[in-house]
């Protein structure tokens, strides 16, 4: 069974909210010392573009 429009909207909203949080943290880490943070940020951006 596929994903409903409502669930799709919620998922997209959750990704956007998490993306905003991570962007704030990434701005405080310009040297990319926290590699996992920047990796997750890139992955979320990619997921958002795919949808």
N, C-alpha and C. Protein backbone atom coordinates (compact mmCIF):
# COMPACT_ATOMS: atom_id res chain seq x y z
N UNK A 1 0.84 -1.17 0.00
CA UNK A 1 0.00 0.00 0.00
C UNK A 1 0.89 1.25 0.00
N UNK A 2 0.47 2.24 -0.72
CA UNK A 2 1.27 3.47 -0.85
C UNK A 2 1.07 4.43 0.30
N UNK A 3 1.75 5.50 0.23
CA UNK A 3 1.68 6.55 1.25
C UNK A 3 0.58 7.54 0.87
N UNK A 4 -0.20 7.94 1.87
CA UNK A 4 -1.30 8.86 1.60
C UNK A 4 -0.78 10.29 1.43
N UNK A 5 -1.61 11.14 0.88
CA UNK A 5 -1.22 12.55 0.68
C UNK A 5 -0.93 13.23 2.01
N UNK A 6 -1.74 12.89 3.00
CA UNK A 6 -1.56 13.49 4.32
C UNK A 6 -0.21 13.07 4.93
N UNK A 7 0.09 11.78 4.83
CA UNK A 7 1.37 11.29 5.35
C UNK A 7 2.54 11.87 4.57
N UNK A 8 2.36 12.00 3.27
CA UNK A 8 3.39 12.59 2.42
C UNK A 8 3.67 14.03 2.85
N UNK A 9 2.61 14.79 3.10
CA UNK A 9 2.76 16.17 3.55
C UNK A 9 3.44 16.27 4.89
N UNK A 10 3.07 15.38 5.81
CA UNK A 10 3.69 15.37 7.14
C UNK A 10 5.18 15.04 7.03
N UNK A 11 5.48 14.05 6.22
CA UNK A 11 6.88 13.63 6.06
C UNK A 11 7.72 14.78 5.50
N UNK A 12 7.18 15.45 4.52
CA UNK A 12 7.90 16.58 3.91
C UNK A 12 8.08 17.71 4.92
N UNK A 13 7.05 17.98 5.73
CA UNK A 13 7.14 19.03 6.75
C UNK A 13 8.18 18.67 7.81
N UNK A 14 8.23 17.40 8.19
CA UNK A 14 9.21 16.96 9.18
C UNK A 14 10.63 17.09 8.65
N UNK A 15 10.81 16.76 7.38
CA UNK A 15 12.14 16.89 6.77
C UNK A 15 12.55 18.35 6.74
N UNK A 16 11.63 19.24 6.37
CA UNK A 16 11.95 20.67 6.31
C UNK A 16 12.30 21.21 7.69
N UNK A 17 11.56 20.79 8.72
CA UNK A 17 11.82 21.26 10.08
C UNK A 17 13.20 20.80 10.55
N UNK A 18 13.51 19.54 10.29
CA UNK A 18 14.82 19.00 10.68
C UNK A 18 15.95 19.70 9.91
N UNK A 19 15.68 20.00 8.65
CA UNK A 19 16.65 20.68 7.81
C UNK A 19 16.97 22.07 8.37
N UNK A 20 15.98 22.78 8.82
CA UNK A 20 16.19 24.11 9.41
C UNK A 20 17.04 24.02 10.67
N UNK A 21 16.74 23.01 11.52
CA UNK A 21 17.52 22.82 12.74
C UNK A 21 18.99 22.53 12.41
N UNK A 22 19.20 21.63 11.45
CA UNK A 22 20.57 21.25 11.12
C UNK A 22 21.33 22.39 10.45
N UNK A 23 20.65 23.21 9.67
CA UNK A 23 21.33 24.34 9.04
C UNK A 23 21.84 25.33 10.08
N UNK A 24 21.06 25.53 11.14
CA UNK A 24 21.51 26.42 12.22
C UNK A 24 22.76 25.88 12.88
N UNK A 25 22.78 24.56 13.13
CA UNK A 25 23.95 23.95 13.75
C UNK A 25 25.15 23.95 12.80
N UNK A 26 24.90 23.75 11.52
CA UNK A 26 25.98 23.71 10.54
C UNK A 26 26.63 25.09 10.38
N UNK A 27 25.87 26.14 10.54
CA UNK A 27 26.44 27.49 10.44
C UNK A 27 27.43 27.75 11.58
N UNK A 28 27.21 27.08 12.71
CA UNK A 28 28.12 27.24 13.85
C UNK A 28 29.36 26.37 13.70
N UNK A 29 29.37 25.49 12.70
CA UNK A 29 30.47 24.57 12.48
C UNK A 29 30.99 24.71 11.04
N UNK A 30 31.59 25.85 10.70
CA UNK A 30 32.02 26.08 9.32
C UNK A 30 33.19 25.20 8.87
N UNK A 31 33.96 24.68 9.81
CA UNK A 31 35.11 23.84 9.44
C UNK A 31 34.72 22.37 9.26
N UNK A 32 33.46 22.07 9.44
CA UNK A 32 32.91 20.72 9.28
C UNK A 32 33.61 19.71 10.18
N UNK A 33 33.78 20.09 11.42
CA UNK A 33 34.39 19.17 12.38
C UNK A 33 33.40 18.08 12.78
N UNK A 34 32.11 18.44 12.82
CA UNK A 34 31.07 17.46 13.11
C UNK A 34 30.60 16.87 11.78
N UNK A 35 31.28 15.84 11.34
CA UNK A 35 31.04 15.26 10.01
C UNK A 35 29.62 14.68 9.89
N UNK A 36 29.13 14.03 10.94
CA UNK A 36 27.81 13.40 10.90
C UNK A 36 26.71 14.45 10.68
N UNK A 37 26.87 15.61 11.28
CA UNK A 37 25.91 16.69 11.13
C UNK A 37 25.81 17.12 9.67
N UNK A 38 26.94 17.34 9.05
CA UNK A 38 26.96 17.80 7.66
C UNK A 38 26.51 16.69 6.70
N UNK A 39 26.81 15.45 7.07
CA UNK A 39 26.39 14.31 6.25
C UNK A 39 24.86 14.18 6.28
N UNK A 40 24.27 14.29 7.48
CA UNK A 40 22.81 14.21 7.61
C UNK A 40 22.13 15.37 6.88
N UNK A 41 22.72 16.54 6.96
CA UNK A 41 22.18 17.72 6.28
C UNK A 41 22.16 17.50 4.77
N UNK A 42 23.22 16.97 4.23
CA UNK A 42 23.28 16.69 2.79
C UNK A 42 22.26 15.63 2.39
N UNK A 43 22.09 14.62 3.23
CA UNK A 43 21.14 13.56 2.94
C UNK A 43 19.70 14.09 2.95
N UNK A 44 19.37 14.94 3.91
CA UNK A 44 18.02 15.51 3.96
C UNK A 44 17.73 16.42 2.77
N UNK A 45 18.74 17.18 2.38
CA UNK A 45 18.56 18.04 1.18
C UNK A 45 18.29 17.19 -0.05
N UNK A 46 19.00 16.07 -0.15
CA UNK A 46 18.82 15.17 -1.28
C UNK A 46 17.41 14.55 -1.26
N UNK A 47 16.95 14.12 -0.09
CA UNK A 47 15.60 13.55 0.03
C UNK A 47 14.53 14.57 -0.34
N UNK A 48 14.73 15.80 0.08
CA UNK A 48 13.75 16.85 -0.20
C UNK A 48 13.71 17.16 -1.69
N UNK A 49 14.83 17.11 -2.36
CA UNK A 49 14.86 17.35 -3.80
C UNK A 49 14.20 16.22 -4.57
N UNK A 50 14.34 14.99 -4.08
CA UNK A 50 13.74 13.84 -4.76
C UNK A 50 12.22 13.89 -4.70
N UNK A 51 11.69 14.42 -3.62
CA UNK A 51 10.24 14.48 -3.46
C UNK A 51 9.76 15.69 -4.13
